[in-house]
Amino acid sequence: MRHILPHSRLAALGQAGMTLIEIMVVIVILGILAGLVIPRIMDQPDKAKVVKAKMQIESLSTALKQYKIDNGVYPTTEQGLEALVQKPTIGKIPKNFPAGGYIQKTPSDPWDNAYIYTSPGDHGDFDIVSRGADGEEGGEKADADIKSWELE
């Protein structure tokens, strides 16, 4: 026994699916959206690391300024940023070094490289630099150097 559907049900079944062209249009639209959105999402971790490096440099700058207020001088290049953690044993020894130091530990930049500290600096009393994602001088975007004297 053959089951015959009424004409109106056949018409409804034919309209329920999507044509190949409609599916292709949806795929193209999704591809265009992915092309616009994915690069922005993929770029976010690099932007976050740049912001983190800038915040760390600001924090180190604040600790260095407090060191100078307490001791009359900034740590030398040889003493480095470690002078904010432990009382220096070389160069001018600070007289008013707090028991807990100025910071708990010397941070690495977000790409696990050491910050470059010089004092006196070429651009001020001290310079702090992160070489960015590539760890090399110069670069663009995430590879660009982040410099204490260029922070906003």
Protein backbone atom coordinates (compact mmCIF):
# COMPACT_ATOMS: atom_id res chain seq x y z
CA MET A 1 0.00 0.00 0.00
CA ARG A 2 1.35 3.28 -1.06
CA HIS A 3 0.84 6.24 1.13
CA ILE A 4 -0.01 9.38 -0.75
CA LEU A 5 0.46 12.74 0.89
CA PRO A 6 -1.92 15.54 0.24
CA HIS A 7 -0.65 18.20 -2.17
CA SER A 8 -0.31 20.84 0.53
CA ARG A 9 2.02 18.59 2.58
CA LEU A 10 4.25 17.95 -0.43
CA ALA A 11 4.61 21.68 -0.96
CA ALA A 12 5.48 22.22 2.70
CA LEU A 13 8.16 19.51 2.58
CA GLY A 14 9.76 21.07 -0.49
CA GLN A 15 10.05 24.45 1.17
CA ALA A 16 11.39 23.15 4.48
CA GLY A 17 14.99 22.63 3.25
CA MET A 18 17.56 25.09 2.02
CA THR A 19 18.84 25.13 -1.53
CA LEU A 20 22.51 24.64 -2.28
CA ILE A 21 22.83 28.31 -3.23
CA GLU A 22 21.36 29.43 0.09
CA ILE A 23 23.81 27.18 1.95
CA MET A 24 26.71 28.56 -0.10
CA VAL A 25 25.66 32.14 0.66
CA VAL A 26 25.56 31.37 4.41
CA ILE A 27 29.02 29.75 4.23
CA VAL A 28 30.45 32.77 2.38
CA ILE A 29 28.93 35.16 4.94
CA LEU A 30 30.36 33.08 7.81
CA GLY A 31 33.76 33.07 6.09
CA ILE A 32 33.72 36.85 5.74
CA LEU A 33 32.73 37.30 9.39
CA ALA A 34 35.44 34.87 10.52
CA GLY A 35 37.98 36.78 8.43
CA LEU A 36 37.05 39.99 10.22
CA VAL A 37 36.65 38.68 13.78
CA ILE A 38 39.38 36.04 14.16
CA PRO A 39 42.36 38.39 13.56
CA ARG A 40 41.00 40.74 16.21
CA ILE A 41 40.56 37.92 18.71
CA MET A 42 43.98 36.46 17.90
CA ASP A 43 45.62 39.87 18.43
CA GLN A 44 44.16 40.29 21.94
CA PRO A 45 46.77 38.22 23.87
CA ASP A 46 49.58 40.33 22.36
CA LYS A 47 47.79 43.55 23.27
CA ALA A 48 47.24 42.28 26.81
CA LYS A 49 50.96 41.50 27.17
CA VAL A 50 51.90 44.98 25.95
CA VAL A 51 49.53 46.53 28.51
CA LYS A 52 50.98 44.28 31.23
CA ALA A 53 54.55 45.33 30.33
CA LYS A 54 53.56 49.01 30.48
CA MET A 55 51.94 48.49 33.89
CA GLN A 56 55.02 46.67 35.20
CA ILE A 57 57.30 49.46 33.96
CA GLU A 58 55.07 52.03 35.68
CA SER A 59 55.18 50.00 38.90
CA LEU A 60 58.97 49.66 38.72
CA SER A 61 59.26 53.41 38.07
CA THR A 62 57.18 54.16 41.16
CA ALA A 63 59.35 51.83 43.30
CA LEU A 64 62.52 53.46 41.91
CA LYS A 65 61.19 56.92 42.78
CA GLN A 66 60.44 55.76 46.32
CA TYR A 67 63.99 54.33 46.53
CA LYS A 68 65.36 57.76 45.57
CA ILE A 69 63.14 59.55 48.09
CA ASP A 70 64.43 57.23 50.83
CA ASN A 71 68.08 57.13 49.80
CA GLY A 72 68.80 60.25 47.73
CA VAL A 73 69.89 58.33 44.61
CA TYR A 74 68.54 55.78 42.18
CA PRO A 75 70.12 52.32 42.07
CA THR A 76 72.98 52.20 39.59
CA THR A 77 72.89 50.14 36.41
CA GLU A 78 75.21 47.64 38.12
CA GLN A 79 72.87 47.35 41.12
CA GLY A 80 69.98 46.90 38.72
CA LEU A 81 66.31 46.40 39.53
CA GLU A 82 67.33 43.75 42.04
CA ALA A 83 68.17 46.72 44.31
CA LEU A 84 64.42 47.12 44.77
CA VAL A 85 64.18 43.58 46.21
CA GLN A 86 67.36 43.23 48.26
CA LYS A 87 69.64 45.85 49.78
CA PRO A 88 72.55 46.36 47.37
CA THR A 89 76.01 45.24 48.46
CA ILE A 90 77.91 47.05 45.69
CA GLY A 91 78.08 50.73 44.79
CA LYS A 92 76.44 53.26 47.06
CA ILE A 93 74.76 51.28 49.84
CA PRO A 94 71.32 52.69 50.72
CA LYS A 95 70.96 53.85 54.34
CA ASN A 96 67.16 53.72 54.49
CA PHE A 97 66.38 50.39 52.86
CA PRO A 98 63.05 48.98 54.15
CA ALA A 99 63.04 45.50 55.70
CA GLY A 100 60.74 44.08 53.01
CA GLY A 101 62.36 45.92 50.11
CA TYR A 102 60.41 48.00 47.63
CA ILE A 103 59.00 45.08 45.65
CA GLN A 104 58.79 41.34 46.43
CA LYS A 105 60.63 40.12 43.34
CA THR A 106 62.09 41.48 40.16
CA PRO A 107 59.54 40.79 37.43
CA SER A 108 60.32 39.47 33.98
CA ASP A 109 58.44 41.08 31.13
CA PRO A 110 55.34 39.23 29.85
CA TRP A 111 57.54 37.36 27.34
CA ASP A 112 59.83 36.06 30.15
CA ASN A 113 62.72 38.40 29.34
CA ALA A 114 64.48 40.61 31.88
CA TYR A 115 63.73 44.32 31.81
CA ILE A 116 66.71 46.42 30.78
CA TYR A 117 67.50 49.04 33.44
CA THR A 118 70.05 51.83 33.13
CA SER A 119 70.74 54.65 35.54
CA PRO A 120 71.52 57.31 34.76
CA GLY A 121 69.45 56.79 31.63
CA ASP A 122 69.74 58.39 28.22
CA HIS A 123 66.19 59.74 28.53
CA GLY A 124 65.96 60.63 32.23
CA ASP A 125 67.24 59.63 35.64
CA PHE A 126 66.67 56.01 34.65
CA ASP A 127 65.48 54.04 31.63
CA ILE A 128 63.52 50.78 31.70
CA VAL A 129 62.99 48.83 28.48
CA SER A 130 61.22 45.64 27.45
CA ARG A 131 62.31 44.34 24.06
CA GLY A 132 58.80 43.03 23.33
CA ALA A 133 57.73 39.62 22.06
CA ASP A 134 60.82 38.98 19.93
CA GLY A 135 63.30 40.01 22.65
CA GLU A 136 65.23 42.04 20.08
CA GLU A 137 65.74 45.78 19.72
CA GLY A 138 63.14 47.53 17.55
CA GLY A 139 60.21 45.76 15.96
CA GLU A 140 56.56 46.46 15.27
CA LYS A 141 53.31 45.64 17.05
CA ALA A 142 53.96 43.00 19.78
CA ASP A 143 57.67 42.92 18.84
CA ALA A 144 58.07 46.67 19.46
CA ASP A 145 60.20 47.85 22.38
CA ILE A 146 58.31 49.27 25.35
CA LYS A 147 60.22 52.16 26.89
CA SER A 148 59.67 53.93 30.19
CA TRP A 149 60.16 57.38 28.65
CA GLU A 150 57.50 56.78 26.00
CA LEU A 151 54.68 55.69 28.31
CA GLU A 152 51.59 57.89 28.36
